[in-house]
Amino acid sequence: MSNGNKTDDPMPGFNGGGVVQQVTDAAEAAADYLEGAMARLNLSAMRTITAAMLANENVQAFLKVIRTGEGTADAGGYSRLYGGGKFSGYADHPRVKVTAGRWTSTAAGAYQFLSSTWDETARIMGLKDFSPQNQDLAALGRIAARGALADVMRGDFESAVRKCAWEWASLPGSPYGQPVISWERARAVFASAGGVAVA
C-alpha cells in the first residue's frame, strides 16, 4: 500500500555529490600515480646489462641494500619465498602464492621478484633460469629500467634509491605503503658493503 508520498530518490535526504567527488578525486589520483610509475620504467634498458657490471663495487653494495630491505641479505636469501619460506631448485621462479599478513604474493628470491616481473625480465634479458647470478642480473636489469644504473655506478645513492623505490617496496621513499628500511640503515649497508657514495 502506498501512502501517496512516492519519490524516485531511493535515499531521500542523502547528498551523494560529496561522495561522488571524493571517489572521482581518488580515481584521478590513482591514475596520476600509475602514470608516474610507468613513466619511470624503460624496459629496453634491461638489454644493456652484462655480467661484467656485477663486478662494480657500488653495484654489489646497492644490491646488498635491496636484499637487506627485502629481508634476503643472508645466505639463504636467493631461495626465499615471500613470508620467509624456502623453495628448492633454481630451474625457474617457484611461482608459489603465499599469504602473509594482509598480502598474498608470488615474490621469491633475493630480490623478491613477483612471477610476472620475473617472466617479463627473463624474457627481455634472455635469462634461462632463476639461479643466484641470474637473480642478480635481473635486479640490475630492473635498476636500469628505472633509470638508476648510472646513479648506482657513480655512487649517487639517494637518486638511485628514489628511482628504485618504485620497484622495491622496501626501499626508503617507496610509495606502496609497505614497511621500508630507513635511509640511515640503507646508507650504512651501502657503505659497509663497499659502496662509495658521492656527496
N, C-alpha and C. Protein backbone atom coordinates (compact mmCIF):
# COMPACT_ATOMS: atom_id res chain seq x y z
N MET A 1 0.84 -1.17 0.00
CA MET A 1 0.00 0.00 0.00
C MET A 1 0.88 1.23 0.00
N SER A 2 0.47 2.20 -0.74
CA SER A 2 1.21 3.45 -0.83
C SER A 2 0.55 4.50 0.00
N ASN A 3 1.36 5.36 0.61
CA ASN A 3 0.79 6.45 1.38
C ASN A 3 0.69 7.72 0.54
N GLY A 4 0.99 7.61 -0.76
CA GLY A 4 0.88 8.75 -1.65
C GLY A 4 2.12 9.61 -1.71
N ASN A 5 3.14 9.36 -0.87
CA ASN A 5 4.39 10.13 -0.89
C ASN A 5 5.45 9.37 -1.68
N LYS A 6 5.23 9.23 -2.94
CA LYS A 6 6.13 8.47 -3.80
C LYS A 6 7.28 9.37 -4.26
N THR A 7 8.50 8.80 -4.29
CA THR A 7 9.67 9.55 -4.75
C THR A 7 10.55 8.62 -5.57
N ASP A 8 11.26 9.19 -6.52
CA ASP A 8 12.21 8.40 -7.31
C ASP A 8 13.57 8.29 -6.63
N ASP A 9 13.79 9.05 -5.57
CA ASP A 9 15.06 9.06 -4.85
C ASP A 9 15.08 7.89 -3.87
N PRO A 10 15.97 6.90 -4.08
CA PRO A 10 15.99 5.74 -3.19
C PRO A 10 16.49 6.07 -1.79
N MET A 11 17.19 7.20 -1.63
CA MET A 11 17.71 7.59 -0.32
C MET A 11 17.40 9.06 -0.08
N PRO A 12 16.13 9.37 0.23
CA PRO A 12 15.76 10.77 0.41
C PRO A 12 16.61 11.45 1.48
N GLY A 13 17.03 12.66 1.22
CA GLY A 13 17.81 13.43 2.16
C GLY A 13 19.31 13.18 2.09
N PHE A 14 19.77 12.18 1.30
CA PHE A 14 21.19 11.89 1.17
C PHE A 14 21.77 12.68 0.02
N ASN A 15 22.83 13.44 0.32
CA ASN A 15 23.51 14.20 -0.72
C ASN A 15 24.77 13.45 -1.09
N GLY A 16 24.72 12.72 -2.18
CA GLY A 16 25.86 11.90 -2.61
C GLY A 16 26.89 12.64 -3.42
N GLY A 17 26.64 13.90 -3.72
CA GLY A 17 27.58 14.66 -4.54
C GLY A 17 28.97 14.70 -3.95
N GLY A 18 29.08 14.86 -2.64
CA GLY A 18 30.39 14.90 -1.99
C GLY A 18 31.11 13.58 -2.10
N VAL A 19 30.39 12.48 -1.95
CA VAL A 19 30.98 11.15 -2.06
C VAL A 19 31.45 10.91 -3.48
N VAL A 20 30.63 11.28 -4.44
CA VAL A 20 30.99 11.11 -5.84
C VAL A 20 32.27 11.89 -6.15
N GLN A 21 32.37 13.10 -5.63
CA GLN A 21 33.57 13.90 -5.88
C GLN A 21 34.80 13.27 -5.23
N GLN A 22 34.65 12.71 -4.03
CA GLN A 22 35.77 12.06 -3.37
C GLN A 22 36.24 10.85 -4.17
N VAL A 23 35.30 10.06 -4.67
CA VAL A 23 35.65 8.89 -5.47
C VAL A 23 36.33 9.32 -6.76
N THR A 24 35.80 10.36 -7.39
CA THR A 24 36.40 10.87 -8.62
C THR A 24 37.81 11.37 -8.37
N ASP A 25 38.00 12.12 -7.29
CA ASP A 25 39.33 12.62 -6.95
C ASP A 25 40.31 11.47 -6.69
N ALA A 26 39.85 10.45 -5.98
CA ALA A 26 40.71 9.30 -5.68
C ALA A 26 41.08 8.55 -6.96
N ALA A 27 40.13 8.40 -7.87
CA ALA A 27 40.41 7.71 -9.13
C ALA A 27 41.41 8.50 -9.97
N GLU A 28 41.27 9.81 -9.99
CA GLU A 28 42.22 10.64 -10.74
C GLU A 28 43.62 10.58 -10.11
N ALA A 29 43.68 10.58 -8.79
CA ALA A 29 44.98 10.49 -8.11
C ALA A 29 45.64 9.14 -8.40
N ALA A 30 44.85 8.07 -8.41
CA ALA A 30 45.38 6.74 -8.71
C ALA A 30 45.90 6.68 -10.14
N ALA A 31 45.17 7.26 -11.06
CA ALA A 31 45.60 7.28 -12.46
C ALA A 31 46.90 8.06 -12.62
N ASP A 32 47.00 9.21 -11.94
CA ASP A 32 48.23 10.00 -12.00
C ASP A 32 49.40 9.22 -11.42
N TYR A 33 49.16 8.51 -10.31
CA TYR A 33 50.20 7.72 -9.66
C TYR A 33 50.70 6.63 -10.61
N LEU A 34 49.77 5.89 -11.23
CA LEU A 34 50.17 4.81 -12.15
C LEU A 34 50.90 5.36 -13.35
N GLU A 35 50.45 6.49 -13.86
CA GLU A 35 51.12 7.11 -14.99
C GLU A 35 52.55 7.48 -14.61
N GLY A 36 52.74 8.01 -13.41
CA GLY A 36 54.07 8.36 -12.93
C GLY A 36 54.96 7.14 -12.78
N ALA A 37 54.40 6.07 -12.23
CA ALA A 37 55.18 4.84 -12.04
C ALA A 37 55.61 4.25 -13.37
N MET A 38 54.72 4.22 -14.34
CA MET A 38 55.04 3.63 -15.63
C MET A 38 55.99 4.52 -16.43
N ALA A 39 55.88 5.83 -16.27
CA ALA A 39 56.77 6.74 -16.99
C ALA A 39 58.21 6.54 -16.55
N ARG A 40 58.41 6.02 -15.37
CA ARG A 40 59.75 5.81 -14.84
C ARG A 40 60.32 4.44 -15.23
N LEU A 41 59.67 3.74 -16.10
CA LEU A 41 60.08 2.38 -16.44
C LEU A 41 60.44 2.28 -17.92
N ASN A 42 61.71 1.97 -18.20
CA ASN A 42 62.20 1.82 -19.56
C ASN A 42 62.72 0.39 -19.71
N LEU A 43 61.85 -0.51 -20.10
CA LEU A 43 62.20 -1.93 -20.13
C LEU A 43 63.35 -2.23 -21.09
N SER A 44 63.47 -1.48 -22.17
CA SER A 44 64.54 -1.77 -23.13
C SER A 44 65.93 -1.57 -22.52
N ALA A 45 66.03 -0.78 -21.44
CA ALA A 45 67.33 -0.57 -20.78
C ALA A 45 67.86 -1.87 -20.19
N MET A 46 66.99 -2.84 -19.94
CA MET A 46 67.44 -4.12 -19.38
C MET A 46 68.34 -4.87 -20.34
N ARG A 47 68.20 -4.61 -21.63
CA ARG A 47 69.02 -5.30 -22.63
C ARG A 47 70.49 -4.87 -22.60
N THR A 48 70.79 -3.79 -21.90
CA THR A 48 72.17 -3.27 -21.86
C THR A 48 73.02 -3.92 -20.76
N ILE A 49 72.43 -4.76 -19.94
CA ILE A 49 73.11 -5.33 -18.78
C ILE A 49 74.04 -6.46 -19.21
N THR A 50 75.25 -6.45 -18.64
CA THR A 50 76.21 -7.54 -18.86
C THR A 50 76.64 -8.09 -17.50
N ALA A 51 77.10 -9.31 -17.50
CA ALA A 51 77.57 -9.94 -16.26
C ALA A 51 78.75 -9.17 -15.67
N ALA A 52 79.57 -8.54 -16.51
CA ALA A 52 80.73 -7.79 -16.02
C ALA A 52 80.32 -6.64 -15.11
N MET A 53 79.12 -6.09 -15.31
CA MET A 53 78.65 -4.98 -14.48
C MET A 53 78.49 -5.39 -13.02
N LEU A 54 78.30 -6.67 -12.77
CA LEU A 54 78.14 -7.15 -11.40
C LEU A 54 79.42 -7.00 -10.59
N ALA A 55 80.55 -6.83 -11.24
CA ALA A 55 81.82 -6.68 -10.53
C ALA A 55 81.99 -5.28 -9.94
N ASN A 56 81.19 -4.32 -10.35
CA ASN A 56 81.29 -2.96 -9.84
C ASN A 56 80.95 -2.95 -8.36
N GLU A 57 81.82 -2.35 -7.53
CA GLU A 57 81.62 -2.35 -6.08
C GLU A 57 80.33 -1.64 -5.67
N ASN A 58 80.01 -0.54 -6.32
CA ASN A 58 78.76 0.16 -5.99
C ASN A 58 77.54 -0.67 -6.37
N VAL A 59 77.63 -1.41 -7.47
CA VAL A 59 76.53 -2.29 -7.86
C VAL A 59 76.33 -3.35 -6.78
N GLN A 60 77.43 -4.00 -6.36
CA GLN A 60 77.31 -5.04 -5.32
C GLN A 60 76.74 -4.46 -4.03
N ALA A 61 77.19 -3.27 -3.66
CA ALA A 61 76.70 -2.65 -2.43
C ALA A 61 75.23 -2.29 -2.54
N PHE A 62 74.81 -1.79 -3.70
CA PHE A 62 73.41 -1.42 -3.88
C PHE A 62 72.51 -2.66 -3.88
N LEU A 63 72.97 -3.73 -4.50
CA LEU A 63 72.20 -4.98 -4.47
C LEU A 63 72.04 -5.47 -3.02
N LYS A 64 73.08 -5.28 -2.22
CA LYS A 64 73.00 -5.66 -0.79
C LYS A 64 71.96 -4.82 -0.06
N VAL A 65 71.86 -3.54 -0.40
CA VAL A 65 70.83 -2.68 0.21
C VAL A 65 69.44 -3.22 -0.12
N ILE A 66 69.23 -3.57 -1.38
CA ILE A 66 67.92 -4.11 -1.77
C ILE A 66 67.63 -5.41 -1.02
N ARG A 67 68.59 -6.31 -0.98
CA ARG A 67 68.38 -7.58 -0.27
C ARG A 67 68.12 -7.35 1.22
N THR A 68 68.79 -6.37 1.79
CA THR A 68 68.55 -6.06 3.21
C THR A 68 67.11 -5.61 3.40
N GLY A 69 66.65 -4.71 2.56
CA GLY A 69 65.27 -4.25 2.65
C GLY A 69 64.26 -5.36 2.46
N GLU A 70 64.57 -6.26 1.55
CA GLU A 70 63.65 -7.37 1.24
C GLU A 70 63.75 -8.52 2.24
N GLY A 71 64.69 -8.42 3.18
CA GLY A 71 64.84 -9.48 4.19
C GLY A 71 65.52 -10.72 3.66
N THR A 72 66.37 -10.54 2.65
CA THR A 72 67.01 -11.69 1.99
C THR A 72 68.53 -11.55 1.92
N ALA A 73 69.12 -10.75 2.82
CA ALA A 73 70.57 -10.49 2.75
C ALA A 73 71.41 -11.65 3.27
N ASP A 74 70.79 -12.62 3.90
CA ASP A 74 71.53 -13.77 4.43
C ASP A 74 71.81 -14.80 3.33
N ALA A 75 72.55 -15.84 3.68
CA ALA A 75 72.97 -16.86 2.71
C ALA A 75 71.79 -17.56 2.03
N GLY A 76 70.67 -17.68 2.71
CA GLY A 76 69.52 -18.36 2.12
C GLY A 76 68.58 -17.46 1.34
N GLY A 77 68.95 -16.22 1.17
CA GLY A 77 68.06 -15.25 0.53
C GLY A 77 67.68 -15.56 -0.89
N TYR A 78 68.57 -16.21 -1.64
CA TYR A 78 68.28 -16.50 -3.05
C TYR A 78 67.20 -17.57 -3.21
N SER A 79 66.90 -18.30 -2.14
CA SER A 79 65.85 -19.32 -2.21
C SER A 79 64.70 -19.01 -1.23
N ARG A 80 64.47 -17.73 -0.97
CA ARG A 80 63.45 -17.31 -0.02
C ARG A 80 62.15 -16.96 -0.74
N LEU A 81 61.06 -17.45 -0.19
CA LEU A 81 59.72 -17.08 -0.64
C LEU A 81 59.22 -15.89 0.17
N TYR A 82 58.27 -15.18 -0.36
CA TYR A 82 57.59 -14.14 0.41
C TYR A 82 57.05 -14.78 1.68
N GLY A 83 57.20 -14.11 2.80
CA GLY A 83 56.74 -14.64 4.08
C GLY A 83 57.78 -15.43 4.83
N GLY A 84 58.93 -15.71 4.19
CA GLY A 84 60.03 -16.36 4.89
C GLY A 84 60.27 -17.82 4.57
N GLY A 85 59.37 -18.46 3.86
CA GLY A 85 59.57 -19.87 3.50
C GLY A 85 60.69 -20.03 2.49
N LYS A 86 61.00 -21.28 2.16
CA LYS A 86 62.09 -21.59 1.22
C LYS A 86 61.54 -22.37 0.04
N PHE A 87 62.23 -22.25 -1.08
CA PHE A 87 61.95 -23.11 -2.22
C PHE A 87 63.23 -23.83 -2.58
N SER A 88 63.12 -24.91 -3.33
CA SER A 88 64.32 -25.64 -3.72
C SER A 88 64.40 -25.69 -5.24
N GLY A 89 65.59 -25.58 -5.75
CA GLY A 89 65.81 -25.64 -7.19
C GLY A 89 65.70 -24.27 -7.84
N TYR A 90 66.59 -24.03 -8.79
CA TYR A 90 66.64 -22.74 -9.47
C TYR A 90 66.29 -22.84 -10.95
N ALA A 91 65.60 -23.90 -11.36
CA ALA A 91 65.27 -24.05 -12.78
C ALA A 91 64.38 -22.92 -13.27
N ASP A 92 63.51 -22.41 -12.39
CA ASP A 92 62.59 -21.33 -12.76
C ASP A 92 62.10 -20.66 -11.48
N HIS A 93 61.49 -19.52 -11.63
CA HIS A 93 60.81 -18.86 -10.50
C HIS A 93 59.85 -19.88 -9.90
N PRO A 94 59.76 -20.00 -8.58
CA PRO A 94 58.92 -21.05 -7.98
C PRO A 94 57.41 -20.87 -8.19
N ARG A 95 56.94 -19.66 -8.45
CA ARG A 95 55.52 -19.40 -8.75
C ARG A 95 54.57 -19.91 -7.67
N VAL A 96 54.93 -19.65 -6.42
CA VAL A 96 54.13 -20.07 -5.28
C VAL A 96 53.44 -18.83 -4.70
N LYS A 97 52.12 -18.89 -4.57
CA LYS A 97 51.39 -17.80 -3.92
C LYS A 97 51.40 -18.03 -2.42
N VAL A 98 51.87 -17.01 -1.70
CA VAL A 98 51.96 -17.10 -0.25
C VAL A 98 51.18 -15.93 0.34
N THR A 99 50.35 -16.24 1.36
CA THR A 99 49.65 -15.18 2.08
C THR A 99 50.33 -15.01 3.43
N ALA A 100 50.75 -13.78 3.70
CA ALA A 100 51.36 -13.43 4.98
C ALA A 100 50.81 -12.08 5.38
N GLY A 101 50.18 -12.03 6.54
CA GLY A 101 49.54 -10.78 6.94
C GLY A 101 48.38 -10.47 6.02
N ARG A 102 48.34 -9.25 5.52
CA ARG A 102 47.22 -8.87 4.65
C ARG A 102 47.54 -8.95 3.17
N TRP A 103 48.73 -9.47 2.82
CA TRP A 103 49.12 -9.55 1.42
C TRP A 103 49.31 -10.99 0.99
N THR A 104 48.98 -11.25 -0.27
CA THR A 104 49.28 -12.51 -0.94
C THR A 104 50.21 -12.18 -2.09
N SER A 105 51.30 -12.94 -2.22
CA SER A 105 52.30 -12.60 -3.21
C SER A 105 53.00 -13.84 -3.75
N THR A 106 53.50 -13.72 -4.98
CA THR A 106 54.35 -14.74 -5.57
C THR A 106 55.83 -14.34 -5.48
N ALA A 107 56.13 -13.31 -4.68
CA ALA A 107 57.51 -12.82 -4.57
C ALA A 107 58.45 -13.94 -4.12
N ALA A 108 59.61 -13.99 -4.76
CA ALA A 108 60.59 -15.03 -4.43
C ALA A 108 61.99 -14.58 -4.79
N GLY A 109 62.95 -15.20 -4.12
CA GLY A 109 64.35 -14.95 -4.41
C GLY A 109 64.91 -13.77 -3.64
N ALA A 110 66.16 -13.47 -3.92
CA ALA A 110 66.88 -12.43 -3.19
C ALA A 110 66.28 -11.05 -3.38
N TYR A 111 65.62 -10.83 -4.50
CA TYR A 111 65.04 -9.51 -4.79
C TYR A 111 63.52 -9.55 -4.79
N GLN A 112 62.98 -10.67 -4.30
CA GLN A 112 61.54 -10.85 -4.15
C GLN A 112 60.78 -10.49 -5.42
N PHE A 113 61.22 -11.07 -6.53
CA PHE A 113 60.55 -10.86 -7.81
C PHE A 113 59.18 -11.52 -7.81
N LEU A 114 58.16 -10.78 -8.20
CA LEU A 114 56.87 -11.40 -8.49
C LEU A 114 57.06 -12.28 -9.72
N SER A 115 56.26 -13.33 -9.85
CA SER A 115 56.42 -14.22 -11.01
C SER A 115 56.23 -13.45 -12.32
N SER A 116 55.30 -12.53 -12.37
CA SER A 116 55.07 -11.76 -13.60
C SER A 116 56.25 -10.84 -13.91
N THR A 117 56.84 -10.24 -12.89
CA THR A 117 58.02 -9.39 -13.09
C THR A 117 59.19 -10.23 -13.57
N TRP A 118 59.36 -11.41 -12.97
CA TRP A 118 60.43 -12.29 -13.40
C TRP A 118 60.24 -12.70 -14.85
N ASP A 119 59.04 -13.09 -15.22
CA ASP A 119 58.79 -13.52 -16.60
C ASP A 119 59.13 -12.41 -17.59
N GLU A 120 58.71 -11.20 -17.30
CA GLU A 120 58.99 -10.05 -18.17
C GLU A 120 60.50 -9.83 -18.28
N THR A 121 61.17 -9.83 -17.13
CA THR A 121 62.61 -9.55 -17.08
C THR A 121 63.40 -10.66 -17.77
N ALA A 122 63.08 -11.90 -17.46
CA ALA A 122 63.80 -13.04 -18.05
C ALA A 122 63.63 -13.06 -19.57
N ARG A 123 62.44 -12.74 -20.03
CA ARG A 123 62.19 -12.71 -21.49
C ARG A 123 63.04 -11.63 -22.15
N ILE A 124 63.03 -10.44 -21.60
CA ILE A 124 63.77 -9.33 -22.20
C ILE A 124 65.28 -9.56 -22.13
N MET A 125 65.75 -10.10 -21.02
CA MET A 125 67.19 -10.27 -20.82
C MET A 125 67.72 -11.63 -21.27
N GLY A 126 66.84 -12.55 -21.64
CA GLY A 126 67.28 -13.86 -22.09
C GLY A 126 67.80 -14.74 -20.97
N LEU A 127 67.25 -14.59 -19.77
CA LEU A 127 67.68 -15.39 -18.62
C LEU A 127 66.97 -16.74 -18.63
N LYS A 128 67.72 -17.81 -18.54
CA LYS A 128 67.17 -19.15 -18.72
C LYS A 128 66.78 -19.86 -17.43
N ASP A 129 67.23 -19.35 -16.29
CA ASP A 129 66.88 -19.99 -15.02
C ASP A 129 66.83 -18.93 -13.92
N PHE A 130 66.53 -19.35 -12.70
CA PHE A 130 66.38 -18.46 -11.55
C PHE A 130 67.59 -18.56 -10.62
N SER A 131 68.73 -18.87 -11.20
CA SER A 131 69.96 -19.03 -10.41
C SER A 131 70.32 -17.73 -9.70
N PRO A 132 71.12 -17.81 -8.64
CA PRO A 132 71.54 -16.58 -7.96
C PRO A 132 72.16 -15.54 -8.90
N GLN A 133 73.02 -15.96 -9.82
CA GLN A 133 73.62 -14.98 -10.73
C GLN A 133 72.55 -14.33 -11.61
N ASN A 134 71.60 -15.10 -12.09
CA ASN A 134 70.55 -14.51 -12.92
C ASN A 134 69.62 -13.62 -12.10
N GLN A 135 69.42 -13.95 -10.83
CA GLN A 135 68.65 -13.04 -9.97
C GLN A 135 69.37 -11.71 -9.83
N ASP A 136 70.70 -11.76 -9.65
CA ASP A 136 71.48 -10.52 -9.57
C ASP A 136 71.38 -9.73 -10.89
N LEU A 137 71.52 -10.43 -12.01
CA LEU A 137 71.43 -9.76 -13.30
C LEU A 137 70.05 -9.15 -13.51
N ALA A 138 69.02 -9.88 -13.13
CA ALA A 138 67.66 -9.37 -13.28
C ALA A 138 67.44 -8.14 -12.42
N ALA A 139 67.96 -8.16 -11.19
CA ALA A 139 67.84 -6.98 -10.33
C ALA A 139 68.54 -5.79 -10.97
N LEU A 140 69.72 -6.03 -11.53
CA LEU A 140 70.44 -4.97 -12.21
C LEU A 140 69.65 -4.47 -13.42
N GLY A 141 68.98 -5.39 -14.11
CA GLY A 141 68.12 -5.01 -15.22
C GLY A 141 66.97 -4.12 -14.78
N ARG A 142 66.35 -4.45 -13.66
CA ARG A 142 65.25 -3.63 -13.14
C ARG A 142 65.77 -2.25 -12.69
N ILE A 143 66.98 -2.23 -12.12
CA ILE A 143 67.60 -0.95 -11.75
C ILE A 143 67.79 -0.09 -13.00
N ALA A 144 68.29 -0.71 -14.07
CA ALA A 144 68.48 0.02 -15.33
C ALA A 144 67.15 0.50 -15.88
N ALA A 145 66.12 -0.35 -15.80
CA ALA A 145 64.79 0.03 -16.32
C ALA A 145 64.22 1.22 -15.57
N ARG A 146 64.61 1.39 -14.33
CA ARG A 146 64.16 2.53 -13.53
C ARG A 146 65.04 3.76 -13.73
N GLY A 147 66.02 3.65 -14.63
CA GLY A 147 66.88 4.79 -14.92
C GLY A 147 67.90 5.08 -13.84
N ALA A 148 68.22 4.07 -13.04
CA ALA A 148 69.09 4.30 -11.88
C ALA A 148 70.47 3.66 -12.00
N LEU A 149 70.76 2.96 -13.09
CA LEU A 149 72.03 2.25 -13.17
C LEU A 149 73.23 3.21 -13.12
N ALA A 150 73.19 4.29 -13.88
CA ALA A 150 74.30 5.25 -13.86
C ALA A 150 74.46 5.85 -12.46
N ASP A 151 73.33 6.13 -11.80
CA ASP A 151 73.39 6.66 -10.43
C ASP A 151 74.09 5.67 -9.50
N VAL A 152 73.72 4.41 -9.60
CA VAL A 152 74.33 3.39 -8.74
C VAL A 152 75.83 3.32 -8.99
N MET A 153 76.22 3.24 -10.25
CA MET A 153 77.63 3.04 -10.58
C MET A 153 78.50 4.23 -10.16
N ARG A 154 77.95 5.44 -10.26
CA ARG A 154 78.77 6.60 -9.87
C ARG A 154 78.63 6.94 -8.39
N GLY A 155 77.73 6.26 -7.68
CA GLY A 155 77.58 6.48 -6.25
C GLY A 155 76.58 7.55 -5.87
N ASP A 156 75.69 7.91 -6.79
CA ASP A 156 74.62 8.87 -6.46
C ASP A 156 73.52 8.08 -5.76
N PHE A 157 73.80 7.73 -4.52
CA PHE A 157 73.00 6.78 -3.76
C PHE A 157 71.54 7.23 -3.59
N GLU A 158 71.32 8.44 -3.14
CA GLU A 158 69.95 8.89 -2.88
C GLU A 158 69.10 8.93 -4.15
N SER A 159 69.67 9.37 -5.25
CA SER A 159 68.93 9.38 -6.51
C SER A 159 68.57 7.96 -6.92
N ALA A 160 69.52 7.04 -6.79
CA ALA A 160 69.28 5.64 -7.16
C ALA A 160 68.17 5.04 -6.30
N VAL A 161 68.21 5.30 -5.00
CA VAL A 161 67.19 4.75 -4.10
C VAL A 161 65.82 5.32 -4.46
N ARG A 162 65.74 6.62 -4.69
CA ARG A 162 64.45 7.23 -5.03
C ARG A 162 63.85 6.60 -6.29
N LYS A 163 64.67 6.37 -7.27
CA LYS A 163 64.18 5.76 -8.52
C LYS A 163 63.78 4.30 -8.30
N CYS A 164 64.59 3.57 -7.55
CA CYS A 164 64.34 2.14 -7.35
C CYS A 164 63.25 1.86 -6.33
N ALA A 165 62.86 2.87 -5.55
CA ALA A 165 61.76 2.69 -4.60
C ALA A 165 60.44 2.43 -5.33
N TRP A 166 60.39 2.76 -6.62
CA TRP A 166 59.22 2.41 -7.43
C TRP A 166 59.21 0.92 -7.77
N GLU A 167 60.36 0.28 -7.66
CA GLU A 167 60.49 -1.14 -8.00
C GLU A 167 60.45 -2.03 -6.76
N TRP A 168 61.14 -1.60 -5.69
CA TRP A 168 61.22 -2.39 -4.46
C TRP A 168 60.52 -1.64 -3.34
N ALA A 169 59.43 -2.22 -2.85
CA ALA A 169 58.58 -1.56 -1.84
C ALA A 169 59.28 -1.39 -0.51
N SER A 170 60.40 -2.04 -0.29
CA SER A 170 61.10 -1.96 0.99
C SER A 170 62.11 -0.82 1.06
N LEU A 171 62.35 -0.14 -0.04
CA LEU A 171 63.34 0.94 -0.04
C LEU A 171 62.75 2.23 0.52
N PRO A 172 63.59 3.06 1.12
CA PRO A 172 63.10 4.33 1.66
C PRO A 172 62.42 5.16 0.58
N GLY A 173 61.30 5.77 0.94
CA GLY A 173 60.57 6.60 -0.01
C GLY A 173 59.62 5.84 -0.91
N SER A 174 59.52 4.53 -0.73
CA SER A 174 58.61 3.76 -1.58
C SER A 174 57.18 4.23 -1.39
N PRO A 175 56.41 4.34 -2.49
CA PRO A 175 55.04 4.83 -2.39
C PRO A 175 54.00 3.75 -2.10
N TYR A 176 54.43 2.52 -1.83
CA TYR A 176 53.49 1.41 -1.79
C TYR A 176 52.86 1.12 -0.43
N GLY A 177 53.30 1.80 0.62
CA GLY A 177 52.66 1.62 1.92
C GLY A 177 53.08 0.38 2.68
N GLN A 178 54.15 -0.26 2.26
CA GLN A 178 54.67 -1.42 2.98
C GLN A 178 55.84 -0.97 3.87
N PRO A 179 56.24 -1.81 4.82
CA PRO A 179 57.38 -1.43 5.67
C PRO A 179 58.64 -1.20 4.83
N VAL A 180 59.41 -0.18 5.19
CA VAL A 180 60.65 0.15 4.47
C VAL A 180 61.81 0.22 5.46
N ILE A 181 63.02 0.05 4.93
CA ILE A 181 64.19 0.29 5.77
C ILE A 181 64.42 1.80 5.80
N SER A 182 65.07 2.26 6.84
CA SER A 182 65.32 3.70 6.98
C SER A 182 66.45 4.14 6.05
N TRP A 183 66.48 5.43 5.78
CA TRP A 183 67.59 5.99 5.00
C TRP A 183 68.92 5.70 5.69
N GLU A 184 68.94 5.85 7.02
CA GLU A 184 70.17 5.63 7.76
C GLU A 184 70.67 4.19 7.60
N ARG A 185 69.75 3.26 7.72
CA ARG A 185 70.14 1.83 7.57
C ARG A 185 70.60 1.56 6.14
N ALA A 186 69.88 2.10 5.16
CA ALA A 186 70.26 1.89 3.76
C ALA A 186 71.66 2.43 3.49
N ARG A 187 71.94 3.64 3.97
CA ARG A 187 73.28 4.24 3.77
C ARG A 187 74.36 3.40 4.45
N ALA A 188 74.06 2.93 5.66
CA ALA A 188 75.04 2.13 6.41
C ALA A 188 75.34 0.82 5.70
N VAL A 189 74.31 0.16 5.19
CA VAL A 189 74.51 -1.11 4.47
C VAL A 189 75.34 -0.86 3.21
N PHE A 190 75.02 0.19 2.47
CA PHE A 190 75.75 0.53 1.25
C PHE A 190 77.24 0.73 1.57
N ALA A 191 77.53 1.51 2.60
CA ALA A 191 78.92 1.78 2.96
C ALA A 191 79.64 0.52 3.45
N SER A 192 78.97 -0.25 4.29
CA SER A 192 79.62 -1.45 4.85
C SER A 192 79.86 -2.53 3.79
N ALA A 193 79.09 -2.47 2.70
CA ALA A 193 79.27 -3.44 1.61
C ALA A 193 80.28 -2.93 0.58
N GLY A 194 80.94 -1.82 0.86
CA GLY A 194 81.99 -1.32 -0.03
C GLY A 194 81.55 -0.24 -1.00
N GLY A 195 80.30 0.21 -0.87
CA GLY A 195 79.82 1.26 -1.75
C GLY A 195 80.40 2.62 -1.37
N VAL A 196 80.63 3.42 -2.38
CA VAL A 196 81.15 4.78 -2.16
C VAL A 196 80.15 5.76 -2.74
N ALA A 197 79.51 6.51 -1.86
CA ALA A 197 78.51 7.50 -2.28
C ALA A 197 79.16 8.84 -2.53
N VAL A 198 78.68 9.53 -3.56
CA VAL A 198 79.15 10.90 -3.81
C VAL A 198 78.28 11.85 -3.03
N ALA A 199 78.84 12.99 -2.67
CA ALA A 199 78.07 13.98 -1.88
C ALA A 199 77.10 14.73 -2.75
